[in-house]
Amino acid sequence: METAKKLVMTFKSEGDNVVNFTIDDPKDNLTEAEVISAMNLIVEKNIFSPGELDLVEAVKAKVVQTNTTEYDLKA
């Protein structure tokens, strides 16, 4: 079984669109304060403009872990 971890950050852009950014394998000791700070910096510095729309608000963040089991179908 393979375990994967991702940080999903959700923002609101102009026009009330929801935008998610996913970071694979975030560090284990990542703190809530670090995530909030990074998200606020992304909004303040206008680092990303998906679809030519500016991000206007950090909405939420979460760490998601998934377990994947692959089956060998050629056996």
C-alpha atoms as a PDB file:
ATOM      1  CA  MET A   1       0.000   0.000   0.000  1.00  0.00           C
ATOM      2  CA  GLU A   2       1.292   3.439  -0.952  1.00  0.00           C
ATOM      3  CA  THR A   3       0.464   6.513   1.112  1.00  0.00           C
ATOM      4  CA  ALA A   4       0.490   9.982  -0.414  1.00  0.00           C
ATOM      5  CA  LYS A   5       0.124  13.307   1.361  1.00  0.00           C
ATOM      6  CA  LYS A   6      -0.952  16.615  -0.205  1.00  0.00           C
ATOM      7  CA  LEU A   7      -1.563  20.119   1.043  1.00  0.00           C
ATOM      8  CA  VAL A   8      -4.662  21.602  -0.591  1.00  0.00           C
ATOM      9  CA  MET A   9      -4.998  25.389  -0.349  1.00  0.00           C
ATOM     10  CA  THR A  10      -8.294  26.962  -1.404  1.00  0.00           C
ATOM     11  CA  PHE A  11      -8.608  30.574  -2.506  1.00  0.00           C
ATOM     12  CA  LYS A  12     -11.384  32.794  -3.812  1.00  0.00           C
ATOM     13  CA  SER A  13     -10.631  34.792  -6.942  1.00  0.00           C
ATOM     14  CA  GLU A  14     -12.281  37.799  -8.520  1.00  0.00           C
ATOM     15  CA  GLY A  15     -15.807  36.903  -9.562  1.00  0.00           C
ATOM     16  CA  ASP A  16     -16.169  34.516  -6.578  1.00  0.00           C
ATOM     17  CA  ASN A  17     -14.460  31.624  -8.357  1.00  0.00           C
ATOM     18  CA  VAL A  18     -12.884  28.944  -6.148  1.00  0.00           C
ATOM     19  CA  VAL A  19      -9.268  28.011  -6.922  1.00  0.00           C
ATOM     20  CA  ASN A  20      -7.354  25.099  -5.365  1.00  0.00           C
ATOM     21  CA  PHE A  21      -3.591  24.729  -5.311  1.00  0.00           C
ATOM     22  CA  THR A  22      -2.193  21.321  -4.380  1.00  0.00           C
ATOM     23  CA  ILE A  23       1.312  20.764  -3.030  1.00  0.00           C
ATOM     24  CA  ASP A  24       2.574  17.181  -3.076  1.00  0.00           C
ATOM     25  CA  ASP A  25       4.459  15.841  -0.052  1.00  0.00           C
ATOM     26  CA  PRO A  26       4.362  18.839   2.301  1.00  0.00           C
ATOM     27  CA  LYS A  27       6.890  18.666   5.108  1.00  0.00           C
ATOM     28  CA  ASP A  28       5.767  16.707   8.160  1.00  0.00           C
ATOM     29  CA  ASN A  29       6.318  19.536  10.630  1.00  0.00           C
ATOM     30  CA  LEU A  30       4.363  22.143   8.630  1.00  0.00           C
ATOM     31  CA  THR A  31       2.419  24.367  11.013  1.00  0.00           C
ATOM     32  CA  GLU A  32      -0.946  26.038  10.630  1.00  0.00           C
ATOM     33  CA  ALA A  33       0.749  29.419  11.066  1.00  0.00           C
ATOM     34  CA  GLU A  34       3.150  28.683   8.179  1.00  0.00           C
ATOM     35  CA  VAL A  35       0.280  27.710   5.881  1.00  0.00           C
ATOM     36  CA  ILE A  36      -1.738  30.817   6.781  1.00  0.00           C
ATOM     37  CA  SER A  37       1.309  33.034   6.281  1.00  0.00           C
ATOM     38  CA  ALA A  38       2.097  31.485   2.877  1.00  0.00           C
ATOM     39  CA  MET A  39      -1.506  31.771   1.702  1.00  0.00           C
ATOM     40  CA  ASN A  40      -1.742  35.400   2.798  1.00  0.00           C
ATOM     41  CA  LEU A  41       1.534  36.161   1.021  1.00  0.00           C
ATOM     42  CA  ILE A  42       0.225  34.562  -2.188  1.00  0.00           C
ATOM     43  CA  VAL A  43      -2.831  36.843  -2.049  1.00  0.00           C
ATOM     44  CA  GLU A  44      -0.947  40.002  -0.975  1.00  0.00           C
ATOM     45  CA  LYS A  45       1.818  39.701  -3.592  1.00  0.00           C
ATOM     46  CA  ASN A  46      -0.607  38.575  -6.325  1.00  0.00           C
ATOM     47  CA  ILE A  47       1.707  35.661  -7.122  1.00  0.00           C
ATOM     48  CA  PHE A  48      -0.855  33.662  -9.139  1.00  0.00           C
ATOM     49  CA  SER A  49      -3.637  34.850 -11.444  1.00  0.00           C
ATOM     50  CA  PRO A  50      -5.407  31.724 -12.655  1.00  0.00           C
ATOM     51  CA  GLY A  51      -7.572  32.458 -15.670  1.00  0.00           C
ATOM     52  CA  GLU A  52      -6.309  36.056 -15.622  1.00  0.00           C
ATOM     53  CA  LEU A  53      -8.250  36.616 -12.373  1.00  0.00           C
ATOM     54  CA  ASP A  54      -6.514  37.798  -9.209  1.00  0.00           C
ATOM     55  CA  LEU A  55      -6.844  35.832  -5.997  1.00  0.00           C
ATOM     56  CA  VAL A  56      -8.639  37.935  -3.401  1.00  0.00           C
ATOM     57  CA  GLU A  57      -9.000  35.713  -0.330  1.00  0.00           C
ATOM     58  CA  ALA A  58      -7.469  32.656   1.337  1.00  0.00           C
ATOM     59  CA  VAL A  59     -10.441  30.442   2.211  1.00  0.00           C
ATOM     60  CA  LYS A  60      -9.176  27.175   3.710  1.00  0.00           C
ATOM     61  CA  ALA A  61      -6.354  24.663   3.752  1.00  0.00           C
ATOM     62  CA  LYS A  62      -6.109  20.987   4.560  1.00  0.00           C
ATOM     63  CA  VAL A  63      -3.643  18.123   4.447  1.00  0.00           C
ATOM     64  CA  VAL A  64      -5.065  15.077   2.685  1.00  0.00           C
ATOM     65  CA  GLN A  65      -3.596  11.591   3.026  1.00  0.00           C
ATOM     66  CA  THR A  66      -4.564   8.808   0.649  1.00  0.00           C
ATOM     67  CA  ASN A  67      -3.750   5.126   0.722  1.00  0.00           C
ATOM     68  CA  THR A  68      -3.502   3.424  -2.664  1.00  0.00           C
ATOM     69  CA  THR A  69      -3.509  -0.319  -3.223  1.00  0.00           C
ATOM     70  CA  GLU A  70      -2.644  -1.465  -6.728  1.00  0.00           C
ATOM     71  CA  TYR A  71      -3.556  -4.869  -8.083  1.00  0.00           C
ATOM     72  CA  ASP A  72      -1.481  -6.841 -10.568  1.00  0.00           C
ATOM     73  CA  LEU A  73      -3.970  -7.706 -13.290  1.00  0.00           C
ATOM     74  CA  LYS A  74      -1.425  -9.663 -15.333  1.00  0.00           C
ATOM     75  CA  ALA A  75      -0.983 -12.414 -12.800  1.00  0.00           C
END
